[in-house]
Amino acid sequence: MTALPPAGAVYDRGYRPYEGERGGRGASRAAMVRVSIRRALGLRRSWRQKVLPWSLLAIATIPAVVNVGVKYITRNIADAQIELFSFREYVGVSTALMLFVAITAPDMVCPDRRNRVLPLIFARPLTGNDYVLAKVGALTAVLFGFSFLPQVVLFVGQMLVVPEGPLAFVRDNAEILWQVPVAVALFSLYWASLALAISATTARRAVGGVALLATALVSGTVASTLVRAGDSRFFESGNLWGLLSVIDIPLRMSDLVFLGHVDPESLVGGAEGAGTGVVLVYVAVVAGSLGYLFYRYRGVE
């Protein structure tokens, strides 16, 4: 018998063992945050995935540009300084990012459950709590950036066009430098935790997004209807039924940051103890959402 030539072959494909620094649990959490942020912004994805987030950022910034432009045009006209909206009211303009939240939050958590990759994720030094904190932190950071950048445009733009000059504008509006970041942070944390909690109830992204929008719109409609009813059968004093509006709560928290009290023209503005009620509802929504997320991801599916 003739000897057969060897059938096997070894190919050097350049694979190398990992020789870098090995991170622990903290590095895994940081990696999860980075991946989630990149996914939300469409980075390293097709151009179609980038259109929505950056388009919405541009839309949220347009009012600031328009406001600065109007102040520039009227800068030399006495008693004609027109301000379309204040920094406090501009936090409400960030509600235009609701569509972004409704799409991004389900996209962060639903595919992991639908594709059953949670066991793979938790095979690393990660727990369910780490997963929740990373996702909430990532979405909060993205929302903060998208809400804070238009505020920066508004502040810097006005600072450069006001007749009294930049230094005088900064001196007269020094409190804005802490009020805006705090109000935007509260706004971002609220929607990030609530949106992810609703999205975690399903493995389908479309269902999660529709559920979030329905919760916001239906609660707002119900609250407005009860408040405008103006009947003692619904409330004893004031308009506390306005606290049922999910979409209104973070805006009333902005009132407390900027004004120290709730806007009198809001749904809860005429109620006694409205400020305390807003804070309690805000804490309940955020704590309840985080609690549900920790419970939902307590184990591996």
Protein backbone atom coordinates (compact mmCIF):
# COMPACT_ATOMS: atom_id res chain seq x y z
CA MET A 1 0.00 0.00 0.00
CA THR A 2 1.19 3.47 -0.81
CA ALA A 3 1.24 6.00 2.00
CA LEU A 4 -1.43 8.67 1.71
CA PRO A 5 -0.33 12.31 1.95
CA PRO A 6 -1.29 14.04 5.19
CA ALA A 7 -4.86 15.36 4.99
CA GLY A 8 -4.51 18.10 7.57
CA ALA A 9 -3.02 21.56 7.20
CA VAL A 10 -2.26 24.40 9.58
CA TYR A 11 -2.96 27.96 8.50
CA ASP A 12 -1.64 30.97 10.36
CA ARG A 13 -4.52 33.45 10.35
CA GLY A 14 -2.87 35.83 12.72
CA TYR A 15 -4.99 35.02 15.79
CA ARG A 16 -3.32 36.19 18.94
CA PRO A 17 -4.14 35.61 22.58
CA TYR A 18 -5.36 38.65 24.48
CA GLU A 19 -2.40 40.18 26.29
CA GLY A 20 -3.90 43.47 27.43
CA GLU A 21 -5.13 44.47 30.84
CA ARG A 22 -8.07 42.41 32.05
CA GLY A 23 -10.87 44.47 33.49
CA GLY A 24 -13.26 43.26 36.12
CA ARG A 25 -16.87 44.00 36.82
CA GLY A 26 -16.41 47.75 36.48
CA ALA A 27 -14.87 47.40 33.03
CA SER A 28 -17.77 45.19 31.95
CA ARG A 29 -20.30 47.80 33.10
CA ALA A 30 -18.39 50.54 31.27
CA ALA A 31 -18.29 48.44 28.11
CA MET A 32 -22.05 47.86 28.34
CA VAL A 33 -22.63 51.63 28.67
CA ARG A 34 -20.43 52.37 25.64
CA VAL A 35 -22.13 49.75 23.49
CA SER A 36 -25.58 51.02 24.47
CA ILE A 37 -24.66 54.64 23.68
CA ARG A 38 -23.23 53.67 20.31
CA ARG A 39 -26.40 51.74 19.52
CA ALA A 40 -28.62 54.67 20.52
CA LEU A 41 -26.66 57.10 18.35
CA GLY A 42 -26.40 54.71 15.41
CA LEU A 43 -22.61 54.64 15.58
CA ARG A 44 -20.99 51.75 13.69
CA ARG A 45 -24.38 51.03 12.15
CA SER A 46 -25.88 51.80 8.77
CA TRP A 47 -26.66 55.40 7.83
CA ARG A 48 -30.38 54.69 8.25
CA GLN A 49 -29.81 54.12 11.97
CA LYS A 50 -28.14 57.53 12.25
CA VAL A 51 -30.90 59.58 10.61
CA LEU A 52 -33.40 59.60 13.50
CA PRO A 53 -31.18 60.56 16.47
CA TRP A 54 -29.25 63.29 14.69
CA SER A 55 -32.34 64.64 12.95
CA LEU A 56 -34.16 64.94 16.28
CA LEU A 57 -31.14 66.68 17.81
CA ALA A 58 -31.27 69.20 14.98
CA ILE A 59 -35.03 69.67 15.44
CA ALA A 60 -34.58 70.22 19.19
CA THR A 61 -31.87 72.83 18.49
CA ILE A 62 -33.79 74.83 15.87
CA PRO A 63 -35.93 76.78 18.44
CA ALA A 64 -32.75 77.94 20.20
CA VAL A 65 -31.28 79.17 16.92
CA VAL A 66 -34.51 80.97 16.03
CA ASN A 67 -34.69 82.62 19.46
CA VAL A 68 -31.09 83.83 19.19
CA GLY A 69 -31.74 85.11 15.69
CA VAL A 70 -34.75 87.13 16.79
CA LYS A 71 -32.80 88.69 19.67
CA TYR A 72 -29.97 89.55 17.26
CA ILE A 73 -32.33 91.27 14.82
CA THR A 74 -33.95 93.32 17.59
CA ARG A 75 -30.77 94.01 19.57
CA ASN A 76 -30.61 97.72 18.59
CA ILE A 77 -34.32 98.43 18.98
CA ALA A 78 -35.18 99.96 22.34
CA ASP A 79 -37.77 98.03 24.37
CA ALA A 80 -38.03 95.45 21.60
CA GLN A 81 -36.03 92.59 23.07
CA ILE A 82 -38.18 89.60 22.17
CA GLU A 83 -37.75 86.34 24.02
CA LEU A 84 -39.74 83.49 22.49
CA PHE A 85 -39.22 81.24 25.51
CA SER A 86 -37.13 80.99 28.67
CA PHE A 87 -34.58 78.38 29.66
CA ARG A 88 -37.20 76.76 31.88
CA GLU A 89 -39.70 76.53 29.05
CA TYR A 90 -37.04 75.14 26.73
CA VAL A 91 -36.73 72.06 28.90
CA GLY A 92 -40.29 71.36 27.80
CA VAL A 93 -39.26 71.68 24.17
CA SER A 94 -37.08 68.66 24.80
CA THR A 95 -40.29 66.65 24.93
CA ALA A 96 -39.85 66.56 21.15
CA LEU A 97 -37.33 63.81 21.93
CA MET A 98 -40.22 61.59 23.03
CA LEU A 99 -40.16 59.81 19.67
CA PHE A 100 -36.44 59.21 20.08
CA VAL A 101 -36.99 57.69 23.53
CA ALA A 102 -39.84 55.51 22.25
CA ILE A 103 -37.56 54.03 19.59
CA THR A 104 -34.25 53.94 21.44
CA ALA A 105 -35.32 52.42 24.78
CA PRO A 106 -36.87 49.26 23.24
CA ASP A 107 -33.88 48.98 20.90
CA MET A 108 -31.58 48.85 23.93
CA VAL A 109 -33.22 45.96 25.78
CA CYS A 110 -35.72 44.10 23.58
CA PRO A 111 -33.21 42.49 21.16
CA ASP A 112 -31.22 40.99 24.05
CA ARG A 113 -34.31 39.22 25.34
CA ARG A 114 -35.71 38.34 21.93
CA ASN A 115 -32.42 36.85 20.72
CA ARG A 116 -31.80 35.16 24.09
CA VAL A 117 -28.32 36.60 24.55
CA LEU A 118 -28.76 37.51 28.21
CA PRO A 119 -27.07 34.26 29.35
CA LEU A 120 -24.07 35.20 27.20
CA ILE A 121 -23.98 38.71 28.64
CA PHE A 122 -24.21 37.45 32.21
CA ALA A 123 -21.47 34.90 31.54
CA ARG A 124 -19.14 37.84 32.02
CA PRO A 125 -18.67 39.34 35.50
CA LEU A 126 -22.02 41.12 35.18
CA THR A 127 -25.17 40.81 37.24
CA GLY A 128 -28.72 41.82 36.45
CA ASN A 129 -28.27 44.98 38.52
CA ASP A 130 -25.16 45.88 36.51
CA TYR A 131 -27.10 45.40 33.30
CA VAL A 132 -29.94 47.66 34.47
CA LEU A 133 -27.62 50.41 35.73
CA ALA A 134 -25.62 50.34 32.49
CA LYS A 135 -28.72 50.62 30.31
CA VAL A 136 -30.34 53.35 32.41
CA GLY A 137 -27.05 55.22 32.64
CA ALA A 138 -26.49 55.03 28.88
CA LEU A 139 -29.97 56.24 27.94
CA THR A 140 -29.85 58.98 30.60
CA ALA A 141 -26.51 60.18 29.23
CA VAL A 142 -27.80 60.29 25.65
CA LEU A 143 -30.98 62.14 26.64
CA PHE A 144 -28.97 64.56 28.77
CA GLY A 145 -26.68 65.35 25.85
CA PHE A 146 -29.56 65.81 23.42
CA SER A 147 -31.44 68.06 25.86
CA PHE A 148 -28.45 70.00 27.20
CA LEU A 149 -26.80 70.89 23.89
CA PRO A 150 -29.75 73.05 22.69
CA GLN A 151 -29.65 74.84 26.06
CA VAL A 152 -25.96 75.61 25.49
CA VAL A 153 -26.75 76.99 22.05
CA LEU A 154 -29.48 79.17 23.58
CA PHE A 155 -27.25 80.47 26.39
CA VAL A 156 -24.13 81.13 24.32
CA GLY A 157 -26.14 82.64 21.48
CA GLN A 158 -27.94 85.09 23.75
CA MET A 159 -24.71 85.89 25.54
CA LEU A 160 -23.16 87.02 22.25
CA VAL A 161 -26.06 89.11 20.93
CA VAL A 162 -27.48 90.95 23.95
CA PRO A 163 -26.73 94.72 24.00
CA GLU A 164 -25.33 94.70 27.54
CA GLY A 165 -22.51 92.36 26.54
CA PRO A 166 -21.47 88.78 27.36
CA LEU A 167 -20.10 89.42 30.87
CA ALA A 168 -23.21 91.28 31.99
CA PHE A 169 -25.43 88.54 30.58
CA VAL A 170 -23.50 85.81 32.43
CA ARG A 171 -23.60 87.82 35.66
CA ASP A 172 -27.34 88.43 35.41
CA ASN A 173 -28.08 84.79 34.55
CA ALA A 174 -25.51 83.02 36.71
CA GLU A 175 -28.18 80.79 38.28
CA ILE A 176 -28.89 79.30 34.85
CA LEU A 177 -25.48 77.63 34.96
CA TRP A 178 -26.69 75.19 37.62
CA GLN A 179 -30.44 75.23 37.03
CA VAL A 180 -30.26 73.96 33.45
CA PRO A 181 -28.01 70.93 34.15
CA VAL A 182 -30.09 69.91 37.18
CA ALA A 183 -33.43 70.26 35.37
CA VAL A 184 -32.16 68.42 32.29
CA ALA A 185 -30.66 65.63 34.44
CA LEU A 186 -33.97 65.13 36.25
CA PHE A 187 -35.80 65.12 32.90
CA SER A 188 -33.39 62.58 31.40
CA LEU A 189 -33.38 60.19 34.37
CA TYR A 190 -37.17 60.19 34.50
CA TRP A 191 -37.71 59.25 30.88
CA ALA A 192 -34.80 56.82 30.73
CA SER A 193 -35.97 54.77 33.72
CA LEU A 194 -39.65 54.84 32.72
CA ALA A 195 -39.02 54.03 29.06
CA LEU A 196 -36.71 51.12 29.83
CA ALA A 197 -39.13 49.72 32.42
CA ILE A 198 -41.99 49.72 29.90
CA SER A 199 -39.73 48.29 27.18
CA ALA A 200 -38.58 45.48 29.47
CA THR A 201 -42.12 44.09 29.60
CA THR A 202 -41.86 42.81 26.02
CA ALA A 203 -39.36 41.36 23.59
CA ARG A 204 -40.76 43.31 20.63
CA ARG A 205 -39.41 46.77 19.99
CA ALA A 206 -42.54 48.06 18.27
CA VAL A 207 -44.72 47.00 21.19
CA GLY A 208 -42.40 48.70 23.69
CA GLY A 209 -42.37 51.97 21.76
CA VAL A 210 -46.13 52.07 21.28
CA ALA A 211 -46.70 51.22 24.95
CA LEU A 212 -44.52 54.15 26.06
CA LEU A 213 -46.24 56.64 23.77
CA ALA A 214 -49.67 55.36 24.77
CA THR A 215 -48.81 55.66 28.47
CA ALA A 216 -47.67 59.26 28.05
CA LEU A 217 -50.51 60.41 25.82
CA VAL A 218 -53.36 58.58 27.57
CA SER A 219 -52.27 59.68 31.05
CA GLY A 220 -51.99 63.27 29.87
CA THR A 221 -55.44 63.19 28.29
CA VAL A 222 -57.05 61.65 31.36
CA ALA A 223 -55.38 64.14 33.70
CA SER A 224 -56.40 67.11 31.54
CA THR A 225 -59.98 65.88 31.37
CA LEU A 226 -60.27 65.46 35.14
CA VAL A 227 -58.63 68.82 35.88
CA ARG A 228 -60.79 70.73 33.43
CA ALA A 229 -63.91 69.07 34.78
CA GLY A 230 -63.57 71.41 37.76
CA ASP A 231 -65.97 69.35 39.84
CA SER A 232 -65.62 68.60 43.54
CA ARG A 233 -66.50 65.02 42.77
CA PHE A 234 -63.02 64.64 41.31
CA PHE A 235 -60.89 66.61 43.79
CA GLU A 236 -61.43 68.50 47.00
CA SER A 237 -58.94 71.34 46.56
CA GLY A 238 -56.90 72.44 43.56
CA ASN A 239 -56.02 70.36 40.56
CA LEU A 240 -54.16 67.41 42.01
CA TRP A 241 -55.53 65.14 39.31
CA GLY A 242 -52.86 66.74 37.12
CA LEU A 243 -50.35 64.51 38.88
CA LEU A 244 -51.71 61.64 36.78
CA SER A 245 -50.06 63.09 33.68
CA VAL A 246 -46.88 61.12 33.14
CA ILE A 247 -45.60 63.56 30.54
CA ASP A 248 -46.15 66.59 32.79
CA ILE A 249 -44.24 65.47 35.90
CA PRO A 250 -40.64 66.15 34.69
CA LEU A 251 -41.73 69.57 33.42
CA ARG A 252 -43.13 70.46 36.85
CA MET A 253 -39.84 69.35 38.39
CA SER A 254 -38.19 71.91 36.12
CA ASP A 255 -40.56 74.51 37.57
CA LEU A 256 -39.33 73.67 41.05
CA VAL A 257 -35.70 73.96 39.96
CA PHE A 258 -36.10 77.30 38.15
CA LEU A 259 -38.94 78.95 40.09
CA GLY A 260 -39.04 77.20 43.43
CA HIS A 261 -42.73 76.44 42.90
CA VAL A 262 -45.00 74.84 40.31
CA ASP A 263 -46.10 76.95 37.35
CA PRO A 264 -49.55 78.36 38.28
CA GLU A 265 -50.77 77.79 34.72
CA SER A 266 -49.94 74.09 34.73
CA LEU A 267 -52.38 71.25 35.42
CA VAL A 268 -51.44 71.14 39.10
CA GLY A 269 -50.69 74.84 39.49
CA GLY A 270 -53.78 75.65 41.49
CA ALA A 271 -53.51 72.77 43.94
CA GLU A 272 -52.38 73.12 47.52
CA GLY A 273 -49.22 71.11 48.07
CA ALA A 274 -48.66 70.71 44.32
CA GLY A 275 -44.87 70.92 44.66
CA THR A 276 -44.76 68.13 47.24
CA GLY A 277 -47.07 66.02 45.11
CA VAL A 278 -44.88 66.47 42.03
CA VAL A 279 -41.76 65.42 43.93
CA LEU A 280 -43.49 62.36 45.41
CA VAL A 281 -44.84 61.24 42.04
CA TYR A 282 -41.45 61.81 40.39
CA VAL A 283 -39.66 59.72 43.02
CA ALA A 284 -42.35 57.03 42.83
CA VAL A 285 -42.09 56.74 39.03
CA VAL A 286 -38.29 56.61 38.97
CA ALA A 287 -37.99 54.28 41.98
CA GLY A 288 -40.81 52.06 40.74
CA SER A 289 -39.29 51.83 37.26
CA LEU A 290 -35.84 50.98 38.59
CA GLY A 291 -37.32 48.50 41.06
CA TYR A 292 -39.20 46.73 38.30
CA LEU A 293 -36.08 46.61 36.11
CA PHE A 294 -34.01 45.10 38.94
CA TYR A 295 -36.77 42.54 39.50
CA ARG A 296 -37.11 41.81 35.79
CA TYR A 297 -33.39 41.11 35.36
CA ARG A 298 -32.82 39.33 38.66
CA GLY A 299 -32.20 36.09 36.75
CA VAL A 300 -31.08 34.88 33.35
CA GLU A 301 -33.61 33.80 30.75
